[in-house]
Amino acid sequence: MGSGFSKKKKEAKLLKEQFEKMQTQLKNESATGTAGGGLISITLNGEYEILDLSIQPECVDPEDIEVLEDLVKAAFEDAVKKLHHSATSPMSGMPNLSAFGF
């Protein structure tokens, strides 16, 4: 029992270290989402905070604010998808968790 437990303990420690490293890397990530052919762009950091927002004047119509709102939402969702993809890619290199019952 001792050597099996010791091995699992080492694997758990390695997993924790890799997870902490990945969290730090993700905090430093950023992604830019666009919509309307680049009329709207939003840059988010790895904690989903807006770092930059750009709205081209030609997409602002005071009579049709819904279009602007939809474009901002679409750009935000695009940036979130990109961040999500960059967050899940490093996880493919993580150790197999089946040994821990996951």
PDB file of N, CA and C in Angstrom:
ATOM      1  N   MET A   1       0.811  -1.191   0.000  1.00  0.00           N
ATOM      2  CA  MET A   1       0.000   0.000   0.000  1.00  0.00           C
ATOM      3  C   MET A   1       0.860   1.264   0.000  1.00  0.00           C
ATOM      4  N   GLY A   2       1.949   1.244   0.688  1.00  0.00           N
ATOM      5  CA  GLY A   2       2.798   2.419   0.828  1.00  0.00           C
ATOM      6  C   GLY A   2       3.307   2.967  -0.483  1.00  0.00           C
ATOM      7  N   SER A   3       3.865   2.112  -1.352  1.00  0.00           N
ATOM      8  CA  SER A   3       4.445   2.617  -2.592  1.00  0.00           C
ATOM      9  C   SER A   3       3.368   3.119  -3.548  1.00  0.00           C
ATOM     10  N   GLY A   4       2.204   2.464  -3.575  1.00  0.00           N
ATOM     11  CA  GLY A   4       1.107   2.924  -4.426  1.00  0.00           C
ATOM     12  C   GLY A   4       0.590   4.279  -3.980  1.00  0.00           C
ATOM     13  N   PHE A   5       0.452   4.443  -2.673  1.00  0.00           N
ATOM     14  CA  PHE A   5      -0.009   5.715  -2.125  1.00  0.00           C
ATOM     15  C   PHE A   5       1.017   6.810  -2.397  1.00  0.00           C
ATOM     16  N   SER A   6       2.291   6.471  -2.221  1.00  0.00           N
ATOM     17  CA  SER A   6       3.361   7.436  -2.448  1.00  0.00           C
ATOM     18  C   SER A   6       3.363   7.897  -3.906  1.00  0.00           C
ATOM     19  N   LYS A   7       3.155   6.954  -4.814  1.00  0.00           N
ATOM     20  CA  LYS A   7       3.129   7.289  -6.241  1.00  0.00           C
ATOM     21  C   LYS A   7       1.954   8.223  -6.540  1.00  0.00           C
ATOM     22  N   LYS A   8       0.794   7.915  -5.996  1.00  0.00           N
ATOM     23  CA  LYS A   8      -0.387   8.751  -6.230  1.00  0.00           C
ATOM     24  C   LYS A   8      -0.199  10.141  -5.618  1.00  0.00           C
ATOM     25  N   LYS A   9       0.468  10.191  -4.466  1.00  0.00           N
ATOM     26  CA  LYS A   9       0.727  11.474  -3.816  1.00  0.00           C
ATOM     27  C   LYS A   9       1.641  12.328  -4.698  1.00  0.00           C
ATOM     28  N   LYS A  10       2.678  11.708  -5.278  1.00  0.00           N
ATOM     29  CA  LYS A  10       3.580  12.436  -6.177  1.00  0.00           C
ATOM     30  C   LYS A  10       2.836  12.910  -7.415  1.00  0.00           C
ATOM     31  N   GLU A  11       1.962  12.042  -7.954  1.00  0.00           N
ATOM     32  CA  GLU A  11       1.186  12.415  -9.136  1.00  0.00           C
ATOM     33  C   GLU A  11       0.250  13.577  -8.818  1.00  0.00           C
ATOM     34  N   ALA A  12      -0.353  13.552  -7.641  1.00  0.00           N
ATOM     35  CA  ALA A  12      -1.252  14.631  -7.231  1.00  0.00           C
ATOM     36  C   ALA A  12      -0.482  15.941  -7.084  1.00  0.00           C
ATOM     37  N   LYS A  13       0.717  15.869  -6.524  1.00  0.00           N
ATOM     38  CA  LYS A  13       1.538  17.067  -6.360  1.00  0.00           C
ATOM     39  C   LYS A  13       1.926  17.631  -7.727  1.00  0.00           C
ATOM     40  N   LEU A  14       2.306  16.754  -8.652  1.00  0.00           N
ATOM     41  CA  LEU A  14       2.661  17.178 -10.000  1.00  0.00           C
ATOM     42  C   LEU A  14       1.454  17.819 -10.684  1.00  0.00           C
ATOM     43  N   LEU A  15       0.308  17.199 -10.535  1.00  0.00           N
ATOM     44  CA  LEU A  15      -0.915  17.723 -11.126  1.00  0.00           C
ATOM     45  C   LEU A  15      -1.227  19.116 -10.573  1.00  0.00           C
ATOM     46  N   LYS A  16      -1.083  19.287  -9.269  1.00  0.00           N
ATOM     47  CA  LYS A  16      -1.338  20.581  -8.632  1.00  0.00           C
ATOM     48  C   LYS A  16      -0.380  21.638  -9.170  1.00  0.00           C
ATOM     49  N   GLU A  17       0.899  21.282  -9.304  1.00  0.00           N
ATOM     50  CA  GLU A  17       1.894  22.225  -9.812  1.00  0.00           C
ATOM     51  C   GLU A  17       1.576  22.620 -11.250  1.00  0.00           C
ATOM     52  N   GLN A  18       1.202  21.634 -12.066  1.00  0.00           N
ATOM     53  CA  GLN A  18       0.874  21.929 -13.459  1.00  0.00           C
ATOM     54  C   GLN A  18      -0.373  22.802 -13.550  1.00  0.00           C
ATOM     55  N   PHE A  19      -1.355  22.528 -12.707  1.00  0.00           N
ATOM     56  CA  PHE A  19      -2.587  23.305 -12.706  1.00  0.00           C
ATOM     57  C   PHE A  19      -2.307  24.750 -12.303  1.00  0.00           C
ATOM     58  N   GLU A  20      -1.482  24.955 -11.279  1.00  0.00           N
ATOM     59  CA  GLU A  20      -1.143  26.307 -10.832  1.00  0.00           C
ATOM     60  C   GLU A  20      -0.381  27.059 -11.920  1.00  0.00           C
ATOM     61  N   LYS A  21       0.512  26.366 -12.608  1.00  0.00           N
ATOM     62  CA  LYS A  21       1.264  26.983 -13.699  1.00  0.00           C
ATOM     63  C   LYS A  21       0.311  27.392 -14.821  1.00  0.00           C
ATOM     64  N   MET A  22      -0.635  26.509 -15.129  1.00  0.00           N
ATOM     65  CA  MET A  22      -1.594  26.787 -16.180  1.00  0.00           C
ATOM     66  C   MET A  22      -2.475  27.980 -15.801  1.00  0.00           C
ATOM     67  N   GLN A  23      -2.886  28.069 -14.538  1.00  0.00           N
ATOM     68  CA  GLN A  23      -3.699  29.199 -14.085  1.00  0.00           C
ATOM     69  C   GLN A  23      -2.949  30.515 -14.259  1.00  0.00           C
ATOM     70  N   THR A  24      -1.673  30.516 -13.917  1.00  0.00           N
ATOM     71  CA  THR A  24      -0.857  31.717 -14.071  1.00  0.00           C
ATOM     72  C   THR A  24      -0.748  32.100 -15.538  1.00  0.00           C
ATOM     73  N   GLN A  25      -0.528  31.109 -16.397  1.00  0.00           N
ATOM     74  CA  GLN A  25      -0.435  31.379 -17.828  1.00  0.00           C
ATOM     75  C   GLN A  25      -1.745  31.944 -18.362  1.00  0.00           C
ATOM     76  N   LEU A  26      -2.856  31.381 -17.929  1.00  0.00           N
ATOM     77  CA  LEU A  26      -4.153  31.846 -18.415  1.00  0.00           C
ATOM     78  C   LEU A  26      -4.438  33.282 -17.999  1.00  0.00           C
ATOM     79  N   LYS A  27      -3.980  33.670 -16.814  1.00  0.00           N
ATOM     80  CA  LYS A  27      -4.180  35.052 -16.377  1.00  0.00           C
ATOM     81  C   LYS A  27      -3.479  36.020 -17.321  1.00  0.00           C
ATOM     82  N   ASN A  28      -2.370  35.576 -17.902  1.00  0.00           N
ATOM     83  CA  ASN A  28      -1.593  36.426 -18.792  1.00  0.00           C
ATOM     84  C   ASN A  28      -2.049  36.344 -20.245  1.00  0.00           C
ATOM     85  N   GLU A  29      -2.989  35.449 -20.540  1.00  0.00           N
ATOM     86  CA  GLU A  29      -3.516  35.317 -21.893  1.00  0.00           C
ATOM     87  C   GLU A  29      -4.424  36.494 -22.210  1.00  0.00           C
ATOM     88  N   SER A  30      -4.587  36.751 -23.491  1.00  0.00           N
ATOM     89  CA  SER A  30      -5.603  37.701 -23.934  1.00  0.00           C
ATOM     90  C   SER A  30      -6.111  37.234 -25.287  1.00  0.00           C
ATOM     91  N   ALA A  31      -7.306  37.657 -25.620  1.00  0.00           N
ATOM     92  CA  ALA A  31      -7.892  37.302 -26.910  1.00  0.00           C
ATOM     93  C   ALA A  31      -8.756  38.463 -27.365  1.00  0.00           C
ATOM     94  N   THR A  32      -8.763  38.665 -28.675  1.00  0.00           N
ATOM     95  CA  THR A  32      -9.578  39.720 -29.256  1.00  0.00           C
ATOM     96  C   THR A  32     -10.679  39.096 -30.088  1.00  0.00           C
ATOM     97  N   GLY A  33     -11.885  39.485 -29.789  1.00  0.00           N
ATOM     98  CA  GLY A  33     -13.038  39.048 -30.560  1.00  0.00           C
ATOM     99  C   GLY A  33     -13.520  40.190 -31.424  1.00  0.00           C
ATOM    100  N   THR A  34     -14.025  39.837 -32.607  1.00  0.00           N
ATOM    101  CA  THR A  34     -14.513  40.862 -33.524  1.00  0.00           C
ATOM    102  C   THR A  34     -15.912  40.506 -34.009  1.00  0.00           C
ATOM    103  N   ALA A  35     -16.589  41.520 -34.516  1.00  0.00           N
ATOM    104  CA  ALA A  35     -17.913  41.319 -35.105  1.00  0.00           C
ATOM    105  C   ALA A  35     -18.137  42.404 -36.152  1.00  0.00           C
ATOM    106  N   GLY A  36     -19.065  42.124 -37.040  1.00  0.00           N
ATOM    107  CA  GLY A  36     -19.386  43.111 -38.070  1.00  0.00           C
ATOM    108  C   GLY A  36     -18.230  43.376 -39.004  1.00  0.00           C
ATOM    109  N   GLY A  37     -17.460  42.330 -39.297  1.00  0.00           N
ATOM    110  CA  GLY A  37     -16.322  42.500 -40.200  1.00  0.00           C
ATOM    111  C   GLY A  37     -15.247  43.404 -39.634  1.00  0.00           C
ATOM    112  N   GLY A  38     -15.115  43.418 -38.312  1.00  0.00           N
ATOM    113  CA  GLY A  38     -14.082  44.220 -37.671  1.00  0.00           C
ATOM    114  C   GLY A  38     -14.568  45.586 -37.206  1.00  0.00           C
ATOM    115  N   LEU A  39     -15.864  45.857 -37.374  1.00  0.00           N
ATOM    116  CA  LEU A  39     -16.390  47.143 -36.911  1.00  0.00           C
ATOM    117  C   LEU A  39     -16.345  47.265 -35.395  1.00  0.00           C
ATOM    118  N   ILE A  40     -16.458  46.125 -34.723  1.00  0.00           N
ATOM    119  CA  ILE A  40     -16.383  46.079 -33.259  1.00  0.00           C
ATOM    120  C   ILE A  40     -15.288  45.097 -32.884  1.00  0.00           C
ATOM    121  N   SER A  41     -14.436  45.469 -31.949  1.00  0.00           N
ATOM    122  CA  SER A  41     -13.460  44.509 -31.422  1.00  0.00           C
ATOM    123  C   SER A  41     -13.356  44.690 -29.911  1.00  0.00           C
ATOM    124  N   ILE A  42     -13.224  43.541 -29.246  1.00  0.00           N
ATOM    125  CA  ILE A  42     -13.098  43.534 -27.789  1.00  0.00           C
ATOM    126  C   ILE A  42     -11.929  42.634 -27.431  1.00  0.00           C
ATOM    127  N   THR A  43     -11.030  43.128 -26.594  1.00  0.00           N
ATOM    128  CA  THR A  43      -9.916  42.325 -26.108  1.00  0.00           C
ATOM    129  C   THR A  43     -10.144  42.033 -24.635  1.00  0.00           C
ATOM    130  N   LEU A  44     -10.089  40.742 -24.303  1.00  0.00           N
ATOM    131  CA  LEU A  44     -10.264  40.286 -22.927  1.00  0.00           C
ATOM    132  C   LEU A  44      -8.976  39.668 -22.427  1.00  0.00           C
ATOM    133  N   ASN A  45      -8.746  39.742 -21.107  1.00  0.00           N
ATOM    134  CA  ASN A  45      -7.636  38.991 -20.527  1.00  0.00           C
ATOM    135  C   ASN A  45      -8.159  37.633 -20.073  1.00  0.00           C
ATOM    136  N   GLY A  46      -7.285  36.812 -19.533  1.00  0.00           N
ATOM    137  CA  GLY A  46      -7.648  35.465 -19.126  1.00  0.00           C
ATOM    138  C   GLY A  46      -8.640  35.401 -17.988  1.00  0.00           C
ATOM    139  N   GLU A  47      -8.899  36.520 -17.346  1.00  0.00           N
ATOM    140  CA  GLU A  47      -9.906  36.581 -16.290  1.00  0.00           C
ATOM    141  C   GLU A  47     -11.190  37.230 -16.806  1.00  0.00           C
ATOM    142  N   TYR A  48     -11.301  37.326 -18.123  1.00  0.00           N
ATOM    143  CA  TYR A  48     -12.483  37.852 -18.806  1.00  0.00           C
ATOM    144  C   TYR A  48     -12.767  39.315 -18.482  1.00  0.00           C
ATOM    145  N   GLU A  49     -11.714  40.057 -18.190  1.00  0.00           N
ATOM    146  CA  GLU A  49     -11.845  41.498 -17.999  1.00  0.00           C
ATOM    147  C   GLU A  49     -11.585  42.169 -19.344  1.00  0.00           C
ATOM    148  N   ILE A  50     -12.336  43.209 -19.651  1.00  0.00           N
ATOM    149  CA  ILE A  50     -12.164  43.913 -20.922  1.00  0.00           C
ATOM    150  C   ILE A  50     -10.924  44.798 -20.831  1.00  0.00           C
ATOM    151  N   LEU A  51      -9.980  44.535 -21.730  1.00  0.00           N
ATOM    152  CA  LEU A  51      -8.759  45.335 -21.799  1.00  0.00           C
ATOM    153  C   LEU A  51      -8.908  46.459 -22.815  1.00  0.00           C
ATOM    154  N   ASP A  52      -9.673  46.184 -23.883  1.00  0.00           N
ATOM    155  CA  ASP A  52      -9.831  47.172 -24.946  1.00  0.00           C
ATOM    156  C   ASP A  52     -11.170  46.946 -25.636  1.00  0.00           C
ATOM    157  N   LEU A  53     -11.791  48.022 -26.038  1.00  0.00           N
ATOM    158  CA  LEU A  53     -13.046  47.980 -26.788  1.00  0.00           C
ATOM    159  C   LEU A  53     -12.951  49.017 -27.889  1.00  0.00           C
ATOM    160  N   SER A  54     -13.176  48.586 -29.112  1.00  0.00           N
ATOM    161  CA  SER A  54     -13.114  49.503 -30.242  1.00  0.00           C
ATOM    162  C   SER A  54     -14.421  49.407 -31.028  1.00  0.00           C
ATOM    163  N   ILE A  55     -15.039  50.553 -31.256  1.00  0.00           N
ATOM    164  CA  ILE A  55     -16.282  50.628 -32.027  1.00  0.00           C
ATOM    165  C   ILE A  55     -16.064  51.650 -33.143  1.00  0.00           C
ATOM    166  N   GLN A  56     -16.154  51.198 -34.376  1.00  0.00           N
ATOM    167  CA  GLN A  56     -15.991  52.091 -35.517  1.00  0.00           C
ATOM    168  C   GLN A  56     -17.243  52.964 -35.650  1.00  0.00           C
ATOM    169  N   PRO A  57     -17.063  54.238 -35.923  1.00  0.00           N
ATOM    170  CA  PRO A  57     -18.203  55.160 -35.974  1.00  0.00           C
ATOM    171  C   PRO A  57     -19.301  54.748 -36.957  1.00  0.00           C
ATOM    172  N   GLU A  58     -18.922  54.119 -38.055  1.00  0.00           N
ATOM    173  CA  GLU A  58     -19.925  53.788 -39.068  1.00  0.00           C
ATOM    174  C   GLU A  58     -20.941  52.734 -38.619  1.00  0.00           C
ATOM    175  N   CYS A  59     -20.675  52.052 -37.499  1.00  0.00           N
ATOM    176  CA  CYS A  59     -21.654  51.065 -37.024  1.00  0.00           C
ATOM    177  C   CYS A  59     -22.558  51.630 -35.938  1.00  0.00           C
ATOM    178  N   VAL A  60     -22.407  52.919 -35.650  1.00  0.00           N
ATOM    179  CA  VAL A  60     -23.250  53.545 -34.629  1.00  0.00           C
ATOM    180  C   VAL A  60     -24.384  54.304 -35.318  1.00  0.00           C
ATOM    181  N   ASP A  61     -25.580  53.786 -35.141  1.00  0.00           N
ATOM    182  CA  ASP A  61     -26.785  54.433 -35.661  1.00  0.00           C
ATOM    183  C   ASP A  61     -27.709  54.679 -34.471  1.00  0.00           C
ATOM    184  N   PRO A  62     -27.851  55.934 -34.055  1.00  0.00           N
ATOM    185  CA  PRO A  62     -28.679  56.226 -32.882  1.00  0.00           C
ATOM    186  C   PRO A  62     -30.117  55.721 -33.012  1.00  0.00           C
ATOM    187  N   GLU A  63     -30.545  55.504 -34.239  1.00  0.00           N
ATOM    188  CA  GLU A  63     -31.911  55.024 -34.463  1.00  0.00           C
ATOM    189  C   GLU A  63     -32.004  53.505 -34.383  1.00  0.00           C
ATOM    190  N   ASP A  64     -30.861  52.842 -34.353  1.00  0.00           N
ATOM    191  CA  ASP A  64     -30.877  51.368 -34.330  1.00  0.00           C
ATOM    192  C   ASP A  64     -29.801  50.850 -33.377  1.00  0.00           C
ATOM    193  N   ILE A  65     -29.952  51.150 -32.117  1.00  0.00           N
ATOM    194  CA  ILE A  65     -28.987  50.745 -31.086  1.00  0.00           C
ATOM    195  C   ILE A  65     -28.914  49.227 -30.962  1.00  0.00           C
ATOM    196  N   GLU A  66     -29.986  48.515 -31.285  1.00  0.00           N
ATOM    197  CA  GLU A  66     -29.994  47.050 -31.168  1.00  0.00           C
ATOM    198  C   GLU A  66     -28.880  46.412 -31.986  1.00  0.00           C
ATOM    199  N   VAL A  67     -28.614  46.950 -33.165  1.00  0.00           N
ATOM    200  CA  VAL A  67     -27.538  46.401 -34.000  1.00  0.00           C
ATOM    201  C   VAL A  67     -26.204  46.551 -33.289  1.00  0.00           C
ATOM    202  N   LEU A  68     -25.949  47.702 -32.726  1.00  0.00           N
ATOM    203  CA  LEU A  68     -24.703  47.932 -31.990  1.00  0.00           C
ATOM    204  C   LEU A  68     -24.599  46.980 -30.802  1.00  0.00           C
ATOM    205  N   GLU A  69     -25.690  46.829 -30.065  1.00  0.00           N
ATOM    206  CA  GLU A  69     -25.694  45.912 -28.921  1.00  0.00           C
ATOM    207  C   GLU A  69     -25.396  44.483 -29.362  1.00  0.00           C
ATOM    208  N   ASP A  70     -26.011  44.056 -30.462  1.00  0.00           N
ATOM    209  CA  ASP A  70     -25.780  42.702 -30.975  1.00  0.00           C
ATOM    210  C   ASP A  70     -24.329  42.505 -31.407  1.00  0.00           C
ATOM    211  N   LEU A  71     -23.749  43.535 -32.034  1.00  0.00           N
ATOM    212  CA  LEU A  71     -22.356  43.436 -32.471  1.00  0.00           C
ATOM    213  C   LEU A  71     -21.408  43.360 -31.276  1.00  0.00           C
ATOM    214  N   VAL A  72     -21.676  44.148 -30.242  1.00  0.00           N
ATOM    215  CA  VAL A  72     -20.827  44.106 -29.039  1.00  0.00           C
ATOM    216  C   VAL A  72     -20.920  42.728 -28.395  1.00  0.00           C
ATOM    217  N   LYS A  73     -22.131  42.191 -28.281  1.00  0.00           N
ATOM    218  CA  LYS A  73     -22.303  40.847 -27.714  1.00  0.00           C
ATOM    219  C   LYS A  73     -21.555  39.809 -28.538  1.00  0.00           C
ATOM    220  N   ALA A  74     -21.675  39.902 -29.863  1.00  0.00           N
ATOM    221  CA  ALA A  74     -21.013  38.927 -30.735  1.00  0.00           C
ATOM    222  C   ALA A  74     -19.493  39.009 -30.604  1.00  0.00           C
ATOM    223  N   ALA A  75     -18.951  40.215 -30.519  1.00  0.00           N
ATOM    224  CA  ALA A  75     -17.501  40.373 -30.362  1.00  0.00           C
ATOM    225  C   ALA A  75     -17.043  39.815 -29.021  1.00  0.00           C
ATOM    226  N   PHE A  76     -17.823  40.069 -27.973  1.00  0.00           N
ATOM    227  CA  PHE A  76     -17.491  39.539 -26.651  1.00  0.00           C
ATOM    228  C   PHE A  76     -17.499  38.008 -26.677  1.00  0.00           C
ATOM    229  N   GLU A  77     -18.539  37.421 -27.255  1.00  0.00           N
ATOM    230  CA  GLU A  77     -18.636  35.961 -27.335  1.00  0.00           C
ATOM    231  C   GLU A  77     -17.489  35.369 -28.150  1.00  0.00           C
ATOM    232  N   ASP A  78     -17.078  36.069 -29.205  1.00  0.00           N
ATOM    233  CA  ASP A  78     -15.948  35.606 -30.017  1.00  0.00           C
ATOM    234  C   ASP A  78     -14.669  35.587 -29.182  1.00  0.00           C
ATOM    235  N   ALA A  79     -14.440  36.631 -28.400  1.00  0.00           N
ATOM    236  CA  ALA A  79     -13.249  36.682 -27.538  1.00  0.00           C
ATOM    237  C   ALA A  79     -13.302  35.590 -26.477  1.00  0.00           C
ATOM    238  N   VAL A  80     -14.481  35.358 -25.897  1.00  0.00           N
ATOM    239  CA  VAL A  80     -14.627  34.310 -24.878  1.00  0.00           C
ATOM    240  C   VAL A  80     -14.323  32.939 -25.479  1.00  0.00           C
ATOM    241  N   LYS A  81     -14.814  32.678 -26.688  1.00  0.00           N
ATOM    242  CA  LYS A  81     -14.530  31.392 -27.355  1.00  0.00           C
ATOM    243  C   LYS A  81     -13.032  31.203 -27.542  1.00  0.00           C
ATOM    244  N   LYS A  82     -12.362  32.266 -27.967  1.00  0.00           N
ATOM    245  CA  LYS A  82     -10.916  32.179 -28.182  1.00  0.00           C
ATOM    246  C   LYS A  82     -10.181  31.920 -26.867  1.00  0.00           C
ATOM    247  N   LEU A  83     -10.596  32.591 -25.803  1.00  0.00           N
ATOM    248  CA  LEU A  83      -9.978  32.345 -24.495  1.00  0.00           C
ATOM    249  C   LEU A  83     -10.258  30.930 -24.021  1.00  0.00           C
ATOM    250  N   HIS A  84     -11.481  30.477 -24.230  1.00  0.00           N
ATOM    251  CA  HIS A  84     -11.840  29.118 -23.819  1.00  0.00           C
ATOM    252  C   HIS A  84     -10.984  28.097 -24.564  1.00  0.00           C
ATOM    253  N   HIS A  85     -10.778  28.336 -25.853  1.00  0.00           N
ATOM    254  CA  HIS A  85      -9.943  27.417 -26.637  1.00  0.00           C
ATOM    255  C   HIS A  85      -8.508  27.424 -26.123  1.00  0.00           C
ATOM    256  N   SER A  86      -7.983  28.609 -25.816  1.00  0.00           N
ATOM    257  CA  SER A  86      -6.601  28.656 -25.319  1.00  0.00           C
ATOM    258  C   SER A  86      -6.500  28.056 -23.925  1.00  0.00           C
ATOM    259  N   ALA A  87      -7.599  28.067 -23.169  1.00  0.00           N
ATOM    260  CA  ALA A  87      -7.592  27.473 -21.827  1.00  0.00           C
ATOM    261  C   ALA A  87      -7.674  25.962 -21.882  1.00  0.00           C
ATOM    262  N   THR A  88      -8.397  25.421 -22.854  1.00  0.00           N
ATOM    263  CA  THR A  88      -8.561  23.970 -22.917  1.00  0.00           C
ATOM    264  C   THR A  88      -7.405  23.296 -23.638  1.00  0.00           C
ATOM    265  N   SER A  89      -6.703  23.997 -24.495  1.00  0.00           N
ATOM    266  CA  SER A  89      -5.579  23.384 -25.209  1.00  0.00           C
ATOM    267  C   SER A  89      -4.484  22.877 -24.275  1.00  0.00           C
ATOM    268  N   PRO A  90      -4.033  23.660 -23.286  1.00  0.00           N
ATOM    269  CA  PRO A  90      -2.984  23.148 -22.392  1.00  0.00           C
ATOM    270  C   PRO A  90      -3.444  21.968 -21.546  1.00  0.00           C
ATOM    271  N   MET A  91      -4.739  21.835 -21.334  1.00  0.00           N
ATOM    272  CA  MET A  91      -5.241  20.745 -20.508  1.00  0.00           C
ATOM    273  C   MET A  91      -5.025  19.385 -21.162  1.00  0.00           C
ATOM    274  N   SER A  92      -4.854  19.381 -22.482  1.00  0.00           N
ATOM    275  CA  SER A  92      -4.629  18.103 -23.150  1.00  0.00           C
ATOM    276  C   SER A  92      -3.306  17.481 -22.715  1.00  0.00           C
ATOM    277  N   GLY A  93      -2.388  18.296 -22.202  1.00  0.00           N
ATOM    278  CA  GLY A  93      -1.108  17.783 -21.728  1.00  0.00           C
ATOM    279  C   GLY A  93      -1.103  17.399 -20.261  1.00  0.00           C
ATOM    280  N   MET A  94      -2.241  17.560 -19.606  1.00  0.00           N
ATOM    281  CA  MET A  94      -2.335  17.230 -18.184  1.00  0.00           C
ATOM    282  C   MET A  94      -2.351  15.717 -18.004  1.00  0.00           C
ATOM    283  N   PRO A  95      -1.905  15.245 -16.869  1.00  0.00           N
ATOM    284  CA  PRO A  95      -1.904  13.802 -16.608  1.00  0.00           C
ATOM    285  C   PRO A  95      -3.318  13.238 -16.585  1.00  0.00           C
ATOM    286  N   ASN A  96      -3.407  11.949 -16.814  1.00  0.00           N
ATOM    287  CA  ASN A  96      -4.684  11.248 -16.783  1.00  0.00           C
ATOM    288  C   ASN A  96      -5.212  11.240 -15.349  1.00  0.00           C
ATOM    289  N   LEU A  97      -6.429  11.722 -15.162  1.00  0.00           N
ATOM    290  CA  LEU A  97      -7.000  11.816 -13.820  1.00  0.00           C
ATOM    291  C   LEU A  97      -7.758  10.561 -13.409  1.00  0.00           C
ATOM    292  N   SER A  98      -7.833   9.569 -14.271  1.00  0.00           N
ATOM    293  CA  SER A  98      -8.606   8.370 -13.945  1.00  0.00           C
ATOM    294  C   SER A  98      -8.025   7.643 -12.735  1.00  0.00           C
ATOM    295  N   ALA A  99      -6.745   7.798 -12.497  1.00  0.00           N
ATOM    296  CA  ALA A  99      -6.119   7.151 -11.341  1.00  0.00           C
ATOM    297  C   ALA A  99      -6.654   7.719 -10.028  1.00  0.00           C
ATOM    298  N   PHE A 100      -7.202   8.934 -10.110  1.00  0.00           N
ATOM    299  CA  PHE A 100      -7.728   9.578  -8.915  1.00  0.00           C
ATOM    300  C   PHE A 100      -9.244   9.444  -8.816  1.00  0.00           C
ATOM    301  N   GLY A 101      -9.826   8.667  -9.719  1.00  0.00           N
ATOM    302  CA  GLY A 101     -11.263   8.454  -9.692  1.00  0.00           C
ATOM    303  C   GLY A 101     -12.056   9.535 -10.398  1.00  0.00           C
ATOM    304  N   PHE A 102     -11.395  10.373 -11.224  1.00  0.00           N
ATOM    305  CA  PHE A 102     -12.107  11.425 -11.955  1.00  0.00           C
ATOM    306  C   PHE A 102     -12.491  10.925 -13.322  1.00  0.00           C
TER     307      PHE A 102
END
